[in-house]
């Protein structure tokens, strides 16, 4: 009888620990997190929000290297930009500050509308697979949603780019250029202080769900 009691106590303790794991108030956020910036210091979340909702972006003055092809026989430099890998002549120029108007491209909301119905079932399954460990389940869920958001960025084709932009980039993906925004998609698991909200407008320091 004593052995059964000890086993029962251990079982109850294990259940209590599992309940504690579930009830710790952990929260998952996925998107463009605070601290992610472009090399010139502009928050990735701000660019992500403008791409989502449309708007204007003020691009700071910066130095940029332009690449051309020069005729090796005559030395004459062509007037068309080429990719760095195909260039044999480069020139550094200072690009003044300017404003870019961006059309709405709702990749984030489209992903949520398409994928979110399956999230509750997925997290339930992940909780079972991870022995009711909330953090482990949410981290696995974060990886899934991160991949879904990156796929939405890669697959979006509207609004179409101008022909000149397609020619410069060499492809027609509106949200892919340097891939910095794509590679900045991330997730975080925390407790209570994390809030759950959709991609924010304007100068938000964070664009998350």
Protein backbone atom coordinates (compact mmCIF):
# COMPACT_ATOMS: atom_id res chain seq x y z
CA UNK A 1 0.00 0.00 0.00
CA UNK A 2 2.85 2.36 0.90
CA UNK A 3 4.41 1.81 -2.51
CA UNK A 4 1.16 2.67 -4.23
CA UNK A 5 0.86 5.85 -2.19
CA UNK A 6 4.37 6.94 -3.12
CA UNK A 7 3.61 6.25 -6.77
CA UNK A 8 0.36 8.16 -6.51
CA UNK A 9 2.14 11.11 -4.90
CA UNK A 10 4.75 11.15 -7.64
CA UNK A 11 2.02 11.03 -10.28
CA UNK A 12 0.20 13.94 -8.63
CA UNK A 13 3.42 15.93 -8.42
CA UNK A 14 4.05 15.33 -12.09
CA UNK A 15 0.53 16.48 -12.96
CA UNK A 16 0.99 19.57 -10.79
CA UNK A 17 4.25 20.40 -12.57
CA UNK A 18 2.59 19.99 -15.96
CA UNK A 19 -0.26 22.25 -14.87
CA UNK A 20 2.29 24.81 -13.71
CA UNK A 21 4.03 24.65 -17.10
CA UNK A 22 0.75 25.28 -18.89
CA UNK A 23 -0.27 28.12 -16.59
CA UNK A 24 2.92 30.20 -16.63
CA UNK A 25 1.42 32.79 -18.96
CA UNK A 26 3.99 32.36 -21.70
CA UNK A 27 3.24 34.19 -24.92
CA UNK A 28 4.50 33.80 -28.48
CA UNK A 29 5.09 36.68 -30.85
CA UNK A 30 6.16 36.31 -34.47
CA UNK A 31 7.12 39.02 -36.93
CA UNK A 32 9.67 41.82 -37.03
CA UNK A 33 10.97 42.27 -33.51
CA UNK A 34 12.40 45.34 -31.79
CA UNK A 35 16.09 45.80 -32.50
CA UNK A 36 16.05 44.53 -36.08
CA UNK A 37 17.39 47.29 -38.33
CA UNK A 38 18.80 47.87 -41.78
CA UNK A 39 22.52 48.71 -42.01
CA UNK A 40 21.73 52.46 -42.09
CA UNK A 41 19.73 52.13 -38.87
CA UNK A 42 16.13 52.16 -40.16
CA UNK A 43 13.87 49.75 -38.19
CA UNK A 44 12.85 46.70 -40.22
CA UNK A 45 9.43 46.84 -38.54
CA UNK A 46 8.75 50.27 -40.03
CA UNK A 47 9.58 49.11 -43.57
CA UNK A 48 7.54 45.95 -43.02
CA UNK A 49 4.52 48.02 -41.92
CA UNK A 50 4.77 50.37 -44.90
CA UNK A 51 4.97 47.39 -47.25
CA UNK A 52 1.91 45.88 -45.55
CA UNK A 53 -0.34 48.95 -45.56
CA UNK A 54 1.27 51.19 -48.17
CA UNK A 55 2.65 54.66 -47.51
CA UNK A 56 5.75 56.75 -47.91
CA UNK A 57 9.28 56.07 -46.75
CA UNK A 58 11.95 58.74 -46.41
CA UNK A 59 15.23 57.20 -47.52
CA UNK A 60 18.26 58.80 -45.90
CA UNK A 61 21.16 60.07 -47.99
CA UNK A 62 23.71 57.36 -48.53
CA UNK A 63 26.70 56.32 -50.59
CA UNK A 64 26.09 53.57 -53.10
CA UNK A 65 28.32 51.71 -55.52
CA UNK A 66 27.05 51.49 -59.10
CA UNK A 67 28.28 48.74 -61.40
CA UNK A 68 28.79 48.93 -65.17
CA UNK A 69 30.39 47.03 -68.01
CA UNK A 70 33.33 48.67 -69.75
CA UNK A 71 34.44 47.61 -73.21
CA UNK A 72 37.85 46.01 -72.56
CA UNK A 73 39.02 46.93 -76.07
CA UNK A 74 37.99 50.58 -76.19
CA UNK A 75 37.70 51.34 -72.50
CA UNK A 76 34.29 52.92 -73.03
CA UNK A 77 32.00 52.45 -70.04
CA UNK A 78 28.42 51.44 -70.71
CA UNK A 79 25.52 53.49 -69.36
CA UNK A 80 23.40 50.59 -68.08
CA UNK A 81 23.64 49.27 -64.55
CA UNK A 82 24.67 45.62 -64.23
CA UNK A 83 25.00 43.19 -61.34
CA UNK A 84 28.26 43.35 -59.42
CA UNK A 85 29.13 39.83 -60.55
CA UNK A 86 28.97 40.92 -64.21
CA UNK A 87 30.66 44.32 -63.81
CA UNK A 88 34.23 45.32 -64.57
CA UNK A 89 33.79 48.97 -63.63
CA UNK A 90 32.40 50.48 -60.43
CA UNK A 91 31.64 54.01 -59.34
CA UNK A 92 30.65 55.32 -55.91
CA UNK A 93 27.99 58.01 -55.84
CA UNK A 94 26.15 59.89 -53.09
CA UNK A 95 22.39 59.40 -53.36
CA UNK A 96 20.50 62.30 -51.74
CA UNK A 97 17.65 61.78 -49.31
CA UNK A 98 14.37 61.11 -51.09
CA UNK A 99 10.85 59.81 -50.52
CA UNK A 100 9.50 56.55 -51.94
CA UNK A 101 5.76 55.87 -52.21
CA UNK A 102 4.90 52.20 -51.67
CA UNK A 103 1.69 50.43 -52.74
CA UNK A 104 -0.06 48.22 -50.13
CA UNK A 105 1.13 44.62 -50.27
CA UNK A 106 -0.68 42.83 -47.40
CA UNK A 107 1.55 39.78 -47.05
CA UNK A 108 1.12 39.64 -43.24
CA UNK A 109 -2.68 39.83 -43.16
CA UNK A 110 -2.93 37.41 -46.08
CA UNK A 111 -0.78 34.89 -44.20
CA UNK A 112 -2.87 35.26 -41.03
CA UNK A 113 -6.13 34.84 -42.97
CA UNK A 114 -4.78 31.76 -44.74
CA UNK A 115 -2.95 29.99 -41.91
CA UNK A 116 -4.34 31.04 -38.52
CA UNK A 117 -7.31 28.64 -38.53
CA UNK A 118 -4.86 25.75 -38.17
CA UNK A 119 -2.79 27.28 -35.37
CA UNK A 120 -4.94 26.17 -32.44
CA UNK A 121 -4.82 22.55 -33.59
CA UNK A 122 -1.09 22.81 -34.22
CA UNK A 123 -0.31 24.17 -30.76
CA UNK A 124 -2.46 21.48 -29.13
CA UNK A 125 -0.49 18.82 -31.00
CA UNK A 126 2.83 20.44 -30.11
CA UNK A 127 1.87 20.59 -26.42
CA UNK A 128 1.24 16.84 -26.48
CA UNK A 129 4.49 16.15 -28.33
CA UNK A 130 6.45 18.25 -25.82
CA UNK A 131 4.94 16.71 -22.67
CA UNK A 132 2.94 19.90 -21.95
CA UNK A 133 6.12 22.01 -21.89
CA UNK A 134 4.69 25.39 -22.90
CA UNK A 135 7.98 27.02 -23.88
CA UNK A 136 9.07 24.11 -26.07
CA UNK A 137 5.67 23.98 -27.76
CA UNK A 138 5.58 27.73 -28.38
CA UNK A 139 9.13 27.73 -29.75
CA UNK A 140 8.19 24.98 -32.20
CA UNK A 141 5.04 26.93 -33.11
CA UNK A 142 7.14 30.05 -33.60
CA UNK A 143 9.32 28.25 -36.11
CA UNK A 144 6.22 27.15 -38.03
CA UNK A 145 4.65 30.61 -38.20
CA UNK A 146 8.01 32.21 -39.00
CA UNK A 147 8.29 29.89 -42.00
CA UNK A 148 4.72 30.70 -43.06
CA UNK A 149 5.40 34.44 -42.92
CA UNK A 150 8.64 34.10 -44.89
CA UNK A 151 6.81 32.02 -47.49
CA UNK A 152 4.13 34.74 -47.76
CA UNK A 153 6.84 37.34 -48.39
CA UNK A 154 8.49 35.19 -51.06
CA UNK A 155 5.25 34.25 -52.82
CA UNK A 156 3.51 37.64 -52.92
CA UNK A 157 3.24 39.05 -56.46
CA UNK A 158 0.97 42.10 -56.06
CA UNK A 159 1.13 45.00 -56.63
CA UNK A 160 3.36 44.32 -59.66
CA UNK A 161 6.71 46.08 -59.86
CA UNK A 162 7.53 48.57 -62.58
CA UNK A 163 9.36 47.08 -65.55
CA UNK A 164 12.41 49.22 -64.76
CA UNK A 165 12.52 47.81 -61.21
CA UNK A 166 12.20 44.23 -62.46
CA UNK A 167 15.05 44.87 -64.88
CA UNK A 168 17.24 46.28 -62.10
CA UNK A 169 16.50 43.44 -59.69
CA UNK A 170 16.42 40.65 -62.25
CA UNK A 171 13.17 39.16 -60.85
CA UNK A 172 9.59 40.24 -60.14
CA UNK A 173 9.17 39.57 -56.40
CA UNK A 174 7.90 42.87 -54.90
CA UNK A 175 9.06 42.19 -51.33
CA UNK A 176 12.44 40.66 -52.15
CA UNK A 177 15.46 42.83 -52.84
CA UNK A 178 18.38 42.41 -50.46
CA UNK A 179 16.33 39.78 -48.51
CA UNK A 180 17.06 41.73 -45.32
CA UNK A 181 13.36 42.02 -44.40
CA UNK A 182 12.80 38.35 -45.22
CA UNK A 183 15.71 37.23 -43.07
CA UNK A 184 14.62 39.51 -40.20
CA UNK A 185 11.41 37.55 -39.56
CA UNK A 186 11.77 36.08 -36.08
CA UNK A 187 9.85 34.92 -33.04
CA UNK A 188 10.16 35.17 -29.27
CA UNK A 189 8.61 33.39 -26.31
CA UNK A 190 8.18 35.36 -23.10
CA UNK A 191 5.97 35.87 -20.08
CA UNK A 192 3.14 38.40 -19.78
CA UNK A 193 5.11 41.46 -20.88
CA UNK A 194 4.76 40.29 -24.49
CA UNK A 195 1.56 41.61 -26.07
CA UNK A 196 -0.24 40.01 -28.97
CA UNK A 197 -1.06 42.37 -31.79
CA UNK A 198 -1.09 42.48 -35.55
CA UNK A 199 1.47 44.28 -37.72
CA UNK A 200 1.53 47.94 -36.68
CA UNK A 201 1.31 51.04 -38.84
CA UNK A 202 3.80 53.84 -39.14
CA UNK A 203 6.86 54.12 -36.98
CA UNK A 204 6.27 51.09 -34.81
CA UNK A 205 9.39 49.56 -33.35
CA UNK A 206 7.84 46.13 -33.65
CA UNK A 207 5.53 44.43 -36.14
CA UNK A 208 4.28 41.18 -34.68
CA UNK A 209 1.34 38.86 -34.21
